[in-house]
Each structure stands twice: as C-alpha cells, then as structure tokens.
C-alpha cells in the first residue's frame, strides 16, 4: 500500500481558503444567489466589457463555486478548473469543446458506460469517429493516434480496472499533437495527478470521492488556463450544466477529509480484494493493487473493484443476502455498494456493448466503504454461505 500524495501539501491545499472567511468562520459561507447587482452604470458596463472580472450571474461565476474550482485545481496541480452539475456534464462539455464534425477520437476500451454512449450517439450524429484501443498496448495507441483530434483516457478503467501508464500515453498524444483527457474519478488527486504526467485535461465525477458523502451530484474539469478557457468559451455556457453554490459547498466540505477517506478506502478495499482472490468460488479479481506493481504515476488504490464468480454461484442470492453492502449505483461515498454485472447488461440504454464495457455476466462490482473491514468481510462470508 503506497503513501499517495504528500500529506503536508494536501493539508495546505484543503485549508487554504480558511483564512479571510467572513467573521473568521472555519467553514466558508454559501453564496446562494442567482445573480449579483452593480453599484452603478459604469460598474455594470465595465463588467460586461470584460474590463472587470466579478460575479454577474451564478451560471457564469459564483464565489462558492469558484472556491471549489480553485481547491480542485491545486489538488490536481492544474492552473484552473471548471465545475459542472454532473460528471457527464463535465465529460460532454470537455469533449464537445475540442471536436468538430469529421474529427476522430481515440479512446481506451472499457470507458465509463455513459461516456461510451455519448460517443455512440451525440458524437456519431456529429460524424465524429471513435477508435477504441487497449490502453495497455502503447504500440496500438501510437498507431491509432495520428490524425486524431482527441485522446480520451480512463485509468483504471471501469469494471475491469485496467491501469495504464498514463504518462507514457500522454507523451504519445503530445507527440502527435492530440489533445489528451482522462477521467481521474477512481484514483482522485490523492493517488493520481495526471496533469503532472502530461495530460492536458483531467475530468472528475465529483459525486464520487471528491464529495465522499453520496449527497451531491457534480463534475469538474481541470487543466491549463488555456484549455479550461476553451471549454468555458466553446461549450460550458450553452450546455447549461452549471454547478450550484450549495453543491460546491458540499464538495468543499467533502474534500477536507479526502486524503483520510482515500487511505481508509484503499486499506479496506485491498484487504477484501486479497481475501476474495483466495476463494475457490471466485475466478478473477480485477483490482490494480493485486498486480506486482502499480503503473508509474498511480500512487495508490481506491475502494472500487470487481470480481468474477465461477459457475454455480447464485449471484442473486448472494446480492440479496448482503446487509452492509447495498445494491446501488455510483460509488465513492461512505457506504459499501454492490452492482451485479448481469443487471448492467440488462440496461436498455443504447448503444450497449459488453465487449467495450468489459462487463462479464458473472461479474460483481464492489465499492468498499467505511463501515469497517472485518464487518464487511463477515457480510460477504454470510452471503456466500447461502449462494
């Protein structure tokens, strides 16, 4: 189990906004307002001309949202960040800001299913072609990149949890003049900082580990000022996926405990993954931490992984008998969750491809929460006894 990012650096970042709060409040105030008025005509016209940067309308700029964006940018080692109302709003806005009809995207296999569906619906109608490659095969990536406009990564990938050498892949993209993006929700900035590895834009479903309490739906994009400004100019104002002030405040609260939570998720998840690997009823455990070593740049692991049962296990009975692991989508909160692969394969949303998602019919995805390792393992053992 690795050490992750520097603890002092993380502590300095997440407490950076504590000074200067109204009335010396430890918790910053929420600017829960839709608009901001002007002192006079000249103040208003200067703001509209761009001569003065100040809040006008919360869909454009809000102090609470801006505090979250600045905190996330510092955690990722980025120059700037932009908050969104969901992870998919962040993905959609980031991708659409850089592609035009006739362009081609290269994406790693097994991306988040709704990102895959976005590529196969909206982008398909835009005549944007998407080429899927195995991110572990750098030769295949290098062969696919020439002529592409965008390289979309996720590491580790959804469900199968394949971890890539992000720095090497980013270098290939830069060599061919291709903009690189990565979904970094799984590792969080505590265990992976793609900007420092050469990636252009980092995307998070902030609903996951950044929030950490399963009470907010949000997304964020981080990168250079130039890259973030392009997203802000080309797609963000028109898609309308604006992060609300209250949700931004919840994210600020969640990020204060992010390093501690990630360490706890890592430790419990790793223990349970190793124990599952020893069971005869389990065929494969998909967890990056079970490899001989983590890829360069990945400093630790989270609590999300999957495994595949052997034939003969009653997965329905197993899932229904669990008490602490709840049947539910998403992950990254305090609670432990289970999603059987067969359920996802029944989803009606199209396009759908088990090959691209990498979801096996006998697979189970676990998110190991904070209830306590031994209590969670007992829950699994008791459910296995009836399966």
Foldseek 3Di string as FASTA:
>chain_A
DFDFDDPVLLLCLLQVPQPPAVVSDNAHDFPQDQADDAPDDVRVVCVVVVVDDDTGGVLQDDVLLQSLFSSQQSLLVAPTKAKFQALVLVLVLLVQLFDAQPAEEEEEFQADVVSVLCCVPVVVVRNYHYHYDHQAPLVVLLVPQARHAAYEYEALHPALRDGHQLLSSLVSCVVRVHQYEYEDAFQRSRFFNSVVSNHAKYKYQCCAQLLAANPGHMMMMGHYPVSVVSSSPRGSVPVSRHDGRVRSSSSSVRSSCSNVFFVLQQVLQVVVLVVLVPDPQWDFWRFQVVDPDHHPRGRTGGNKTKTFTDPPQDVVQLQVQFDQAHDDDDYRYQGKYKHQLLVVVPDPDDDDDCRRNVRDNRMMMMGDHNPDNVVRVVSNVVSRVVD
